[in-house]
């Protein structure tokens, strides 16, 4: 009996160690795209030699990737012929992804410290983009014929970048 207990304890320790050194990505994407019924999801990065790291089967919008990675890196997940991708900062952690096929790049990705930081940065960047009305300013800049008006718009862009850089610095300093 002691031998069985000891063997189970060793297996539990080994299993828990293995889980800390792996990543698991569970995704669920809704929508009408046929690739969601039965298709493939691809986990890849920008490595020119070996860009595709893994392939997972998609069934009824659900997929799972499992593996290990040495250091946190940015990866992307694509699904079949859907034109958009899901950005993910991958490290050995558990992730959940929820989204829809019409806005795949806006899927909600949770898990991993690097991903949490990326989510926080993305959220603040979106808030600042709205605060400074950058989409409208960009159009205004392109239509402007006056150097004075362009300089004024550039000044607003500079304020945006300065505020975003302060946030990035604070994010780095607290982590």
Protein backbone atom coordinates (compact mmCIF):
# COMPACT_ATOMS: atom_id res chain seq x y z
CA UNK A 1 0.00 0.00 0.00
CA UNK A 2 2.85 2.37 0.86
CA UNK A 3 4.43 1.65 -2.53
CA UNK A 4 1.17 2.52 -4.34
CA UNK A 5 0.82 5.76 -2.34
CA UNK A 6 4.45 6.66 -3.04
CA UNK A 7 4.01 5.95 -6.77
CA UNK A 8 0.87 8.10 -6.90
CA UNK A 9 2.64 10.93 -5.07
CA UNK A 10 5.54 10.79 -7.53
CA UNK A 11 3.13 10.80 -10.48
CA UNK A 12 1.23 13.81 -9.07
CA UNK A 13 4.45 15.75 -8.57
CA UNK A 14 5.66 14.84 -12.06
CA UNK A 15 2.32 15.79 -13.59
CA UNK A 16 2.21 19.14 -11.81
CA UNK A 17 5.77 19.92 -12.87
CA UNK A 18 4.89 19.10 -16.45
CA UNK A 19 1.87 21.37 -16.40
CA UNK A 20 3.91 24.37 -15.30
CA UNK A 21 6.29 23.87 -18.21
CA UNK A 22 3.64 23.70 -20.92
CA UNK A 23 1.07 25.93 -22.52
CA UNK A 24 -2.52 25.00 -23.21
CA UNK A 25 -4.69 27.19 -25.42
CA UNK A 26 -8.42 26.45 -25.42
CA UNK A 27 -10.27 28.46 -28.03
CA UNK A 28 -13.91 28.92 -28.87
CA UNK A 29 -14.90 30.98 -31.91
CA UNK A 30 -18.49 31.51 -32.94
CA UNK A 31 -19.82 32.38 -36.38
CA UNK A 32 -21.04 31.06 -39.67
CA UNK A 33 -17.70 30.33 -41.38
CA UNK A 34 -17.51 26.70 -42.55
CA UNK A 35 -13.96 26.42 -41.15
CA UNK A 36 -15.49 26.60 -37.68
CA UNK A 37 -17.62 23.48 -38.19
CA UNK A 38 -14.63 21.38 -39.17
CA UNK A 39 -11.29 22.87 -40.09
CA UNK A 40 -7.82 23.69 -38.84
CA UNK A 41 -6.33 26.36 -36.61
CA UNK A 42 -2.67 27.32 -37.01
CA UNK A 43 -0.34 28.67 -34.33
CA UNK A 44 2.52 30.58 -35.90
CA UNK A 45 5.02 33.37 -35.44
CA UNK A 46 7.05 35.51 -37.82
CA UNK A 47 9.98 33.04 -38.00
CA UNK A 48 10.84 32.76 -41.67
CA UNK A 49 12.25 29.23 -41.46
CA UNK A 50 9.57 27.58 -39.31
CA UNK A 51 6.61 29.93 -39.00
CA UNK A 52 3.94 27.32 -38.22
CA UNK A 53 4.52 25.93 -34.74
CA UNK A 54 1.41 23.78 -34.43
CA UNK A 55 -1.90 22.83 -36.04
CA UNK A 56 -5.11 22.01 -34.17
CA UNK A 57 -8.37 20.61 -35.40
CA UNK A 58 -11.36 22.95 -35.14
CA UNK A 59 -14.67 21.24 -34.45
CA UNK A 60 -17.80 23.29 -33.84
CA UNK A 61 -15.66 26.38 -33.25
CA UNK A 62 -13.48 24.79 -30.56
CA UNK A 63 -9.76 24.04 -30.72
CA UNK A 64 -6.86 23.25 -28.37
CA UNK A 65 -3.12 23.73 -28.69
CA UNK A 66 -0.64 22.16 -26.24
CA UNK A 67 3.11 22.46 -26.13
CA UNK A 68 6.13 24.10 -24.56
CA UNK A 69 8.03 27.27 -25.26
CA UNK A 70 11.41 28.44 -23.93
CA UNK A 71 10.66 32.17 -23.65
CA UNK A 72 7.53 34.30 -24.03
CA UNK A 73 6.99 35.33 -27.65
CA UNK A 74 4.27 36.83 -29.77
CA UNK A 75 2.39 34.31 -31.87
CA UNK A 76 -0.73 34.41 -33.99
CA UNK A 77 -3.60 31.99 -34.47
CA UNK A 78 -5.38 31.73 -37.80
CA UNK A 79 -8.36 29.57 -38.63
CA UNK A 80 -8.74 28.13 -42.11
CA UNK A 81 -9.52 30.80 -44.69
CA UNK A 82 -10.69 33.44 -42.19
CA UNK A 83 -8.75 36.58 -43.13
CA UNK A 84 -8.03 37.87 -39.62
CA UNK A 85 -5.72 36.45 -36.93
CA UNK A 86 -5.66 36.31 -33.13
CA UNK A 87 -2.50 37.79 -31.57
CA UNK A 88 -1.27 35.99 -28.45
CA UNK A 89 1.78 36.44 -26.22
CA UNK A 90 2.62 32.82 -25.63
CA UNK A 91 4.40 31.44 -22.59
CA UNK A 92 3.98 28.25 -20.59
CA UNK A 93 0.55 28.98 -19.12
CA UNK A 94 -3.11 28.15 -19.61
CA UNK A 95 -5.08 30.35 -22.05
CA UNK A 96 -8.70 30.76 -23.03
CA UNK A 97 -9.80 32.47 -26.23
CA UNK A 98 -13.33 33.56 -27.03
CA UNK A 99 -14.36 35.47 -30.12
CA UNK A 100 -16.27 35.46 -33.38
CA UNK A 101 -15.25 34.89 -36.97
CA UNK A 102 -16.16 38.45 -38.04
CA UNK A 103 -13.68 40.09 -35.63
CA UNK A 104 -11.10 37.40 -34.97
CA UNK A 105 -8.36 39.94 -34.17
CA UNK A 106 -10.55 41.27 -31.34
CA UNK A 107 -11.00 37.87 -29.68
CA UNK A 108 -10.67 37.92 -25.91
CA UNK A 109 -7.44 36.16 -24.89
CA UNK A 110 -6.87 35.41 -21.20
CA UNK A 111 -3.93 33.73 -19.52
CA UNK A 112 -0.21 34.20 -19.02
CA UNK A 113 1.52 37.21 -17.47
CA UNK A 114 2.80 38.50 -20.83
CA UNK A 115 -0.70 38.32 -22.32
CA UNK A 116 -2.13 40.20 -19.32
CA UNK A 117 0.41 42.98 -19.89
CA UNK A 118 -0.38 43.02 -23.61
CA UNK A 119 -4.12 43.21 -22.87
CA UNK A 120 -3.55 46.11 -20.48
CA UNK A 121 -1.39 47.95 -23.03
CA UNK A 122 -3.91 47.34 -25.82
CA UNK A 123 -6.75 48.63 -23.67
CA UNK A 124 -4.92 51.84 -22.73
CA UNK A 125 -3.82 52.39 -26.33
CA UNK A 126 -7.44 52.07 -27.51
CA UNK A 127 -8.60 54.52 -24.82
CA UNK A 128 -5.94 57.05 -25.81
CA UNK A 129 -6.77 56.62 -29.49
CA UNK A 130 -10.36 57.52 -28.66
CA UNK A 131 -9.37 60.31 -26.25
CA UNK A 132 -7.25 62.04 -28.90
CA UNK A 133 -9.68 61.14 -31.71
CA UNK A 134 -6.79 59.80 -33.80
CA UNK A 135 -8.88 58.30 -36.58
CA UNK A 136 -10.48 61.64 -37.33
CA UNK A 137 -7.18 63.49 -36.89
CA UNK A 138 -5.49 61.19 -39.39
CA UNK A 139 -8.18 61.94 -41.98
CA UNK A 140 -7.94 65.63 -41.17
CA UNK A 141 -4.15 65.54 -41.60
CA UNK A 142 -4.43 63.84 -44.99
CA UNK A 143 -6.95 66.42 -46.21
CA UNK A 144 -5.10 69.43 -44.81
CA UNK A 145 -3.38 71.83 -47.19
CA UNK A 146 -2.02 74.16 -44.55
CA UNK A 147 1.31 73.53 -42.83
CA UNK A 148 0.00 75.33 -39.77
CA UNK A 149 -2.93 72.91 -39.47
CA UNK A 150 -0.63 69.92 -40.06
CA UNK A 151 1.75 71.15 -37.35
CA UNK A 152 -1.17 71.47 -34.94
CA UNK A 153 -2.28 67.90 -35.69
CA UNK A 154 1.29 66.63 -35.30
CA UNK A 155 1.36 68.30 -31.88
CA UNK A 156 -1.72 66.30 -30.86
CA UNK A 157 -0.13 63.07 -32.15
CA UNK A 158 2.98 63.94 -30.12
CA UNK A 159 0.86 64.34 -26.96
CA UNK A 160 -0.73 60.94 -27.64
CA UNK A 161 2.67 59.27 -28.09
CA UNK A 162 4.04 60.95 -24.97
CA UNK A 163 1.12 59.72 -22.86
CA UNK A 164 1.36 56.23 -24.32
CA UNK A 165 5.12 56.14 -23.70
CA UNK A 166 4.61 57.21 -20.07
CA UNK A 167 2.17 54.34 -19.67
CA UNK A 168 4.60 51.87 -21.29
CA UNK A 169 7.37 53.06 -18.95
CA UNK A 170 5.14 52.62 -15.89
CA UNK A 171 4.11 49.16 -17.09
CA UNK A 172 7.76 48.15 -17.47
CA UNK A 173 8.75 49.62 -14.12
CA UNK A 174 6.03 47.85 -12.16
CA UNK A 175 6.88 44.50 -13.75
